[in-house]
């Protein structure tokens, strides 16, 4: 859908284009009556001021925006690198914004990037956001939801099969002889976390012998892992899990650090598998087993899908791209407990 311009606003409000321009740039030069009519036209037509378009010879922006939920997490920064590289190959630049998973920051960035007339949006969010993206799409700015599969066929998305990822992690731990398994992640209401738990739950249920303890946490940070690690270390040995699967690598790293300093042998006493396979996972004191998404390929695919959406005159034939993760086994879960009681 084409963007609504000043011409359409002026026609709707029954004023000249120059008056609309004054309203936008010098509102003191416009009478209250005309200003009210122009504002009504803007609200009704969904006009979004496009400052960037004034300077672009091509008549459209060559900028794409990526709103990430947490740039402190290396997974999202690696994803951004892949997106930036692919965008540059296609002649686009990428603006990176950090919403911190907060609604007011998301809304602020969405409004800002609309105002500056970006060509399209990549949006990663742990919150419900499809209704907002639909409204923005109606006003001429396409988007790709990054990190989870969209519910609508009209909203393109790039995601990882997190149910499969959770299943791979739990099946691996069960195969090494672990029976008391814990899942650490949260909030469970976040789709990616819920999917990873679902996959682990299926593997545990199908084993017929293992149990799954769910430790729901409010954040997915290293500090969260420290807190959970201290609580587990304080339990009697027989009450501790023999294996832990975490919703991301940051939790796992903090968990492993605290358990190790408490005298617990990571990989022997308690096996740990993380998720995301960030660089720190391989280089931890006890190298961390992890579920590996496609990383740079994931970011590049998001850009490709966005460009396809920009060039399309209607709904895409395949709006959702889902990637299968892989299990990377390292020292944190490589030892078997087949000869030891779980």
Protein backbone atom coordinates (compact mmCIF):
# COMPACT_ATOMS: atom_id res chain seq x y z
CA UNK A 1 0.00 0.00 0.00
CA UNK A 2 1.36 3.41 -0.97
CA UNK A 3 2.07 5.95 1.73
CA UNK A 4 -0.40 8.75 2.24
CA UNK A 5 1.29 12.04 1.29
CA UNK A 6 0.77 15.74 1.86
CA UNK A 7 -1.28 15.97 -1.33
CA UNK A 8 -3.88 13.52 -0.01
CA UNK A 9 -3.99 15.25 3.38
CA UNK A 10 -4.48 18.64 1.74
CA UNK A 11 -7.31 17.35 -0.49
CA UNK A 12 -9.06 15.69 2.44
CA UNK A 13 -8.76 18.80 4.64
CA UNK A 14 -9.74 21.17 1.84
CA UNK A 15 -6.57 23.27 2.12
CA UNK A 16 -3.50 23.82 -0.03
CA UNK A 17 -0.37 21.66 0.17
CA UNK A 18 1.50 24.73 1.38
CA UNK A 19 -0.86 25.02 4.34
CA UNK A 20 -0.24 21.38 5.27
CA UNK A 21 3.50 22.02 5.00
CA UNK A 22 3.17 25.02 7.32
CA UNK A 23 1.16 22.89 9.76
CA UNK A 24 3.95 20.34 9.88
CA UNK A 25 6.86 22.76 10.03
CA UNK A 26 5.48 26.10 11.25
CA UNK A 27 2.17 25.41 13.03
CA UNK A 28 2.01 28.99 14.32
CA UNK A 29 1.30 30.12 10.74
CA UNK A 30 -1.90 28.06 10.47
CA UNK A 31 -5.26 29.10 11.92
CA UNK A 32 -6.81 26.94 14.61
CA UNK A 33 -9.70 25.99 12.32
CA UNK A 34 -7.45 24.80 9.48
CA UNK A 35 -5.09 23.10 11.91
CA UNK A 36 -7.99 21.11 13.32
CA UNK A 37 -9.09 20.01 9.82
CA UNK A 38 -5.55 19.00 8.87
CA UNK A 39 -5.10 17.01 12.07
CA UNK A 40 -8.38 15.22 11.44
CA UNK A 41 -7.21 14.39 7.91
CA UNK A 42 -3.89 13.06 9.22
CA UNK A 43 -5.64 10.86 11.79
CA UNK A 44 -8.21 9.57 9.31
CA UNK A 45 -5.79 8.84 6.46
CA UNK A 46 -2.98 7.47 8.62
CA UNK A 47 -0.46 10.01 7.33
CA UNK A 48 3.04 9.52 8.72
CA UNK A 49 5.55 12.31 8.31
CA UNK A 50 8.50 11.16 6.21
CA UNK A 51 11.50 13.35 6.95
CA UNK A 52 14.01 11.06 5.26
CA UNK A 53 12.22 11.18 1.91
CA UNK A 54 13.15 14.83 1.43
CA UNK A 55 16.79 13.90 0.94
CA UNK A 56 16.48 10.69 -1.04
CA UNK A 57 16.82 10.89 -4.82
CA UNK A 58 15.35 7.45 -5.30
CA UNK A 59 12.06 8.52 -3.86
CA UNK A 60 12.21 5.92 -1.08
CA UNK A 61 14.36 5.23 1.93
CA UNK A 62 17.38 2.94 1.75
CA UNK A 63 17.25 2.33 5.49
CA UNK A 64 15.90 -0.69 7.36
CA UNK A 65 15.34 -0.67 11.12
CA UNK A 66 15.86 -3.61 13.46
CA UNK A 67 14.25 -3.37 16.90
CA UNK A 68 15.96 -5.98 19.06
CA UNK A 69 14.61 -7.09 22.45
CA UNK A 70 18.01 -7.18 24.20
CA UNK A 71 21.27 -6.20 22.50
CA UNK A 72 23.23 -7.25 25.60
CA UNK A 73 22.46 -10.84 24.59
CA UNK A 74 25.12 -11.91 22.05
CA UNK A 75 22.53 -13.89 20.10
CA UNK A 76 20.74 -10.72 19.03
CA UNK A 77 23.93 -8.83 18.24
CA UNK A 78 25.10 -11.72 16.05
CA UNK A 79 21.72 -11.76 14.34
CA UNK A 80 22.07 -8.02 13.72
CA UNK A 81 25.49 -8.55 12.12
CA UNK A 82 24.04 -11.05 9.66
CA UNK A 83 21.16 -8.72 8.85
CA UNK A 84 23.50 -5.77 8.37
CA UNK A 85 25.77 -7.70 6.00
CA UNK A 86 22.89 -8.90 3.84
CA UNK A 87 21.25 -5.46 3.82
CA UNK A 88 24.50 -3.83 2.69
CA UNK A 89 24.73 -6.27 -0.21
CA UNK A 90 21.26 -5.13 -1.28
CA UNK A 91 22.13 -1.43 -0.94
CA UNK A 92 20.47 -0.80 2.42
CA UNK A 93 21.68 0.41 5.81
CA UNK A 94 20.35 -0.91 9.12
CA UNK A 95 19.39 1.13 12.18
CA UNK A 96 19.60 -0.93 15.38
CA UNK A 97 17.39 -0.13 18.37
CA UNK A 98 17.20 -1.85 21.76
CA UNK A 99 13.70 -2.11 23.21
CA UNK A 100 14.83 -4.06 26.31
CA UNK A 101 11.60 -5.98 25.88
CA UNK A 102 9.63 -2.98 27.17
CA UNK A 103 6.37 -1.94 25.52
CA UNK A 104 6.88 1.82 25.79
CA UNK A 105 10.33 1.57 24.18
CA UNK A 106 8.94 -0.57 21.34
CA UNK A 107 6.16 1.90 20.69
CA UNK A 108 8.58 4.83 20.76
CA UNK A 109 10.91 3.21 18.23
CA UNK A 110 8.07 2.09 15.98
CA UNK A 111 6.77 5.68 15.85
CA UNK A 112 10.26 7.08 15.32
CA UNK A 113 11.11 4.78 12.43
CA UNK A 114 7.77 5.44 10.78
CA UNK A 115 8.40 9.17 11.04
CA UNK A 116 11.78 8.78 9.38
CA UNK A 117 10.27 6.68 6.63
CA UNK A 118 12.38 3.53 6.88
CA UNK A 119 11.88 1.09 4.02
CA UNK A 120 10.94 -1.73 6.37
CA UNK A 121 11.21 -3.12 9.89
CA UNK A 122 12.68 -6.19 11.53
CA UNK A 123 11.07 -6.57 14.94
CA UNK A 124 12.01 -8.99 17.70
CA UNK A 125 9.69 -8.82 20.68
CA UNK A 126 8.75 -11.05 23.64
CA UNK A 127 5.41 -9.19 23.80
CA UNK A 128 2.25 -9.41 21.66
CA UNK A 129 2.96 -7.04 18.79
CA UNK A 130 1.25 -8.29 15.63
CA UNK A 131 -1.67 -5.86 15.93
CA UNK A 132 0.79 -2.95 16.03
CA UNK A 133 2.70 -4.26 13.03
CA UNK A 134 -0.56 -4.72 11.14
CA UNK A 135 -1.47 -1.07 11.68
CA UNK A 136 1.98 0.05 10.55
CA UNK A 137 1.71 -2.19 7.48
CA UNK A 138 -1.57 -0.55 6.53
CA UNK A 139 0.23 2.79 6.55
CA UNK A 140 2.85 1.56 4.11
CA UNK A 141 5.71 0.18 6.23
CA UNK A 142 6.23 -3.60 5.85
CA UNK A 143 7.82 -5.65 8.61
CA UNK A 144 9.19 -9.07 9.48
CA UNK A 145 8.66 -10.54 12.93
CA UNK A 146 11.98 -12.00 14.04
CA UNK A 147 12.40 -14.80 16.57
CA UNK A 148 8.96 -16.35 16.59
CA UNK A 149 6.42 -17.48 14.03
CA UNK A 150 3.67 -14.96 13.40
CA UNK A 151 0.08 -16.04 13.85
CA UNK A 152 -1.15 -14.24 10.73
CA UNK A 153 -0.34 -15.26 7.17
CA UNK A 154 -0.19 -11.54 6.36
CA UNK A 155 2.67 -10.98 8.82
CA UNK A 156 5.96 -12.41 7.52
CA UNK A 157 8.19 -13.97 10.15
CA UNK A 158 11.51 -15.73 10.60
CA UNK A 159 11.76 -18.12 13.52
CA UNK A 160 13.48 -21.14 14.99
CA UNK A 161 11.76 -24.44 15.72
CA UNK A 162 12.15 -24.01 19.47
CA UNK A 163 9.99 -27.04 20.24
CA UNK A 164 12.52 -29.15 18.38
CA UNK A 165 15.36 -27.38 20.17
CA UNK A 166 13.90 -28.16 23.58
CA UNK A 167 13.35 -31.76 22.60
CA UNK A 168 16.94 -32.17 21.37
CA UNK A 169 18.31 -30.83 24.65
CA UNK A 170 16.19 -33.07 26.87
CA UNK A 171 16.69 -36.18 24.75
CA UNK A 172 20.45 -35.70 24.93
CA UNK A 173 20.38 -35.37 28.72
CA UNK A 174 18.20 -38.45 29.05
CA UNK A 175 20.52 -40.46 26.80
CA UNK A 176 23.44 -39.64 29.09
CA UNK A 177 21.56 -41.30 31.95
CA UNK A 178 20.06 -38.23 33.63
CA UNK A 179 16.63 -38.65 35.12
CA UNK A 180 16.03 -35.65 37.38
CA UNK A 181 15.93 -32.84 34.83
CA UNK A 182 15.18 -29.19 35.52
CA UNK A 183 14.17 -26.50 33.05
CA UNK A 184 15.21 -22.95 33.97
CA UNK A 185 13.65 -20.13 31.95
CA UNK A 186 10.98 -17.53 31.85
CA UNK A 187 8.70 -15.84 31.83
CA UNK A 188 6.89 -18.94 30.56
CA UNK A 189 4.42 -16.62 28.83
CA UNK A 190 7.15 -15.75 26.29
CA UNK A 191 6.48 -17.93 23.25
CA UNK A 192 10.09 -18.95 22.65
CA UNK A 193 10.51 -20.00 26.29
CA UNK A 194 7.20 -21.86 26.27
CA UNK A 195 8.12 -23.70 23.06
CA UNK A 196 11.49 -24.79 24.44
CA UNK A 197 9.81 -26.07 27.58
CA UNK A 198 7.19 -27.86 25.49
CA UNK A 199 9.85 -29.72 23.53
CA UNK A 200 11.67 -30.76 26.69
CA UNK A 201 8.40 -31.87 28.27
CA UNK A 202 7.61 -34.12 25.31
CA UNK A 203 11.03 -35.80 25.51
CA UNK A 204 10.72 -36.35 29.26
CA UNK A 205 7.21 -37.73 28.96
CA UNK A 206 8.19 -40.11 26.18
CA UNK A 207 11.17 -41.41 28.17
CA UNK A 208 8.83 -42.91 30.76
CA UNK A 209 11.49 -42.65 33.47
CA UNK A 210 12.68 -39.05 33.69
CA UNK A 211 11.05 -36.19 35.58
CA UNK A 212 11.01 -32.49 34.77
CA UNK A 213 11.14 -29.66 37.31
CA UNK A 214 10.21 -26.24 35.93
CA UNK A 215 11.95 -23.23 37.50
CA UNK A 216 10.18 -20.16 36.13
CA UNK A 217 12.32 -17.01 36.29
CA UNK A 218 11.56 -13.40 35.44
CA UNK A 219 14.71 -12.64 33.43
CA UNK A 220 17.13 -14.53 31.22
CA UNK A 221 20.42 -13.04 32.41
CA UNK A 222 23.69 -14.34 33.88
CA UNK A 223 22.59 -12.92 37.24
CA UNK A 224 19.46 -15.10 37.00
CA UNK A 225 21.68 -18.15 36.63
CA UNK A 226 23.67 -17.14 39.71
CA UNK A 227 20.49 -16.91 41.77
CA UNK A 228 19.11 -20.25 40.63
CA UNK A 229 22.53 -21.89 41.02
CA UNK A 230 22.80 -20.74 44.62
CA UNK A 231 19.34 -22.10 45.39
CA UNK A 232 20.10 -25.50 43.82
CA UNK A 233 23.49 -25.75 45.53
CA UNK A 234 21.77 -25.18 48.90
CA UNK A 235 19.60 -28.27 48.42
CA UNK A 236 20.59 -31.70 49.73
CA UNK A 237 22.46 -33.61 47.02
CA UNK A 238 19.60 -36.08 46.53
CA UNK A 239 17.15 -33.22 45.97
CA UNK A 240 19.19 -31.57 43.23
CA UNK A 241 18.51 -32.15 39.53
CA UNK A 242 21.09 -34.26 37.74
CA UNK A 243 20.66 -32.21 34.58
CA UNK A 244 19.52 -28.69 33.75
CA UNK A 245 18.27 -27.29 30.45
CA UNK A 246 18.13 -23.49 30.34
CA UNK A 247 16.14 -21.18 28.08
CA UNK A 248 19.34 -19.44 26.95
CA UNK A 249 23.10 -19.56 27.36
CA UNK A 250 23.31 -16.55 29.66
CA UNK A 251 21.32 -18.34 32.37
CA UNK A 252 23.40 -21.47 31.84
CA UNK A 253 26.71 -19.61 32.19
CA UNK A 254 25.69 -17.96 35.45
CA UNK A 255 24.30 -21.25 36.71
CA UNK A 256 27.48 -23.17 35.92
CA UNK A 257 29.67 -20.54 37.58
CA UNK A 258 27.78 -20.63 40.86
CA UNK A 259 27.43 -24.41 40.95
CA UNK A 260 31.15 -24.84 40.25
CA UNK A 261 32.19 -22.46 43.03
CA UNK A 262 29.89 -24.46 45.34
CA UNK A 263 31.91 -27.61 44.67
CA UNK A 264 29.52 -29.23 42.20
CA UNK A 265 31.17 -30.93 39.21
CA UNK A 266 29.54 -29.59 36.05
CA UNK A 267 29.11 -32.43 33.60
CA UNK A 268 29.44 -35.16 36.22
CA UNK A 269 27.24 -34.17 39.18
CA UNK A 270 24.97 -31.93 37.14
CA UNK A 271 24.91 -31.71 33.35
CA UNK A 272 23.89 -28.44 31.73
CA UNK A 273 22.61 -27.58 28.25
CA UNK A 274 21.98 -23.98 27.22
CA UNK A 275 20.33 -22.40 24.19
CA UNK A 276 21.63 -20.02 21.46
CA UNK A 277 25.26 -21.26 21.27
CA UNK A 278 26.72 -17.80 21.81
CA UNK A 279 30.49 -17.32 21.62
CA UNK A 280 30.84 -17.34 25.41
CA UNK A 281 29.36 -20.86 25.55
CA UNK A 282 32.30 -22.51 23.81
CA UNK A 283 34.83 -20.47 25.76
CA UNK A 284 33.42 -20.95 29.25
CA UNK A 285 35.64 -22.59 31.89
CA UNK A 286 33.51 -25.69 31.40
CA UNK A 287 32.55 -25.47 27.69
CA UNK A 288 28.79 -25.34 27.52
CA UNK A 289 26.61 -27.69 25.49
CA UNK A 290 24.00 -25.67 23.68
CA UNK A 291 21.27 -25.63 21.07
CA UNK A 292 22.64 -23.78 18.04
CA UNK A 293 20.36 -21.64 15.87
CA UNK A 294 21.67 -20.57 12.43
CA UNK A 295 22.83 -17.14 13.76
CA UNK A 296 24.14 -15.06 10.80
CA UNK A 297 22.04 -17.07 8.34
CA UNK A 298 19.00 -16.21 10.44
CA UNK A 299 19.65 -12.46 10.16
CA UNK A 300 20.31 -12.69 6.44
CA UNK A 301 17.09 -14.63 5.92
CA UNK A 302 15.15 -11.94 7.78
CA UNK A 303 16.45 -9.27 5.39
CA UNK A 304 15.73 -11.42 2.34
CA UNK A 305 12.16 -11.95 3.52
CA UNK A 306 11.71 -8.23 4.20
CA UNK A 307 13.00 -7.30 0.73
CA UNK A 308 10.66 -9.87 -0.80
CA UNK A 309 7.81 -8.31 1.16
CA UNK A 310 8.76 -4.80 -0.01
CA UNK A 311 8.75 -5.93 -3.65
CA UNK A 312 5.54 -7.90 -3.39
CA UNK A 313 2.16 -6.52 -4.47
CA UNK A 314 0.28 -8.85 -2.14
CA UNK A 315 0.61 -11.64 0.44
CA UNK A 316 3.64 -13.89 0.10
CA UNK A 317 3.28 -17.51 -0.88
CA UNK A 318 5.58 -18.51 1.98
CA UNK A 319 5.46 -15.78 4.64
CA UNK A 320 7.03 -17.84 7.45
CA UNK A 321 10.61 -19.14 7.39
CA UNK A 322 11.34 -21.64 10.17
CA UNK A 323 14.88 -22.87 10.85
CA UNK A 324 15.82 -26.12 12.57
CA UNK A 325 18.37 -25.80 15.42
CA UNK A 326 21.17 -28.25 16.16
CA UNK A 327 22.60 -29.70 19.36
CA UNK A 328 26.25 -28.91 20.09
CA UNK A 329 27.68 -31.23 22.75
CA UNK A 330 30.52 -29.99 24.95
CA UNK A 331 31.99 -30.82 28.37
CA UNK A 332 29.05 -29.52 30.41
CA UNK A 333 26.95 -32.53 29.41
CA UNK A 334 29.33 -34.97 27.75
CA UNK A 335 29.86 -37.29 30.72
CA UNK A 336 27.52 -40.25 31.14
CA UNK A 337 25.78 -41.21 34.38
CA UNK A 338 24.76 -44.68 33.24
CA UNK A 339 26.70 -46.28 36.12
CA UNK A 340 25.58 -43.78 38.70
CA UNK A 341 22.23 -43.32 40.39
CA UNK A 342 20.33 -40.33 39.00
